[in-house]
């Protein structure tokens, strides 16, 4: 949830790494898992755009 909120606010991978004290691979894995859970795996939609459209 925290990662999704940061993405929705427009944070980039480098900022997420620093804020959450994670490696780049961990951040990318969480983003990929989030895309899978939302059904966006093979679609050409930006994760941030999609998350903002939910509100």
Foldseek 3Di string as FASTA:
>chain_A
DVLLVCVLVPDDLVVCCVVVVHDSVVSVVVVCVVCVVVVNNPPPDDSNVVSNVVD
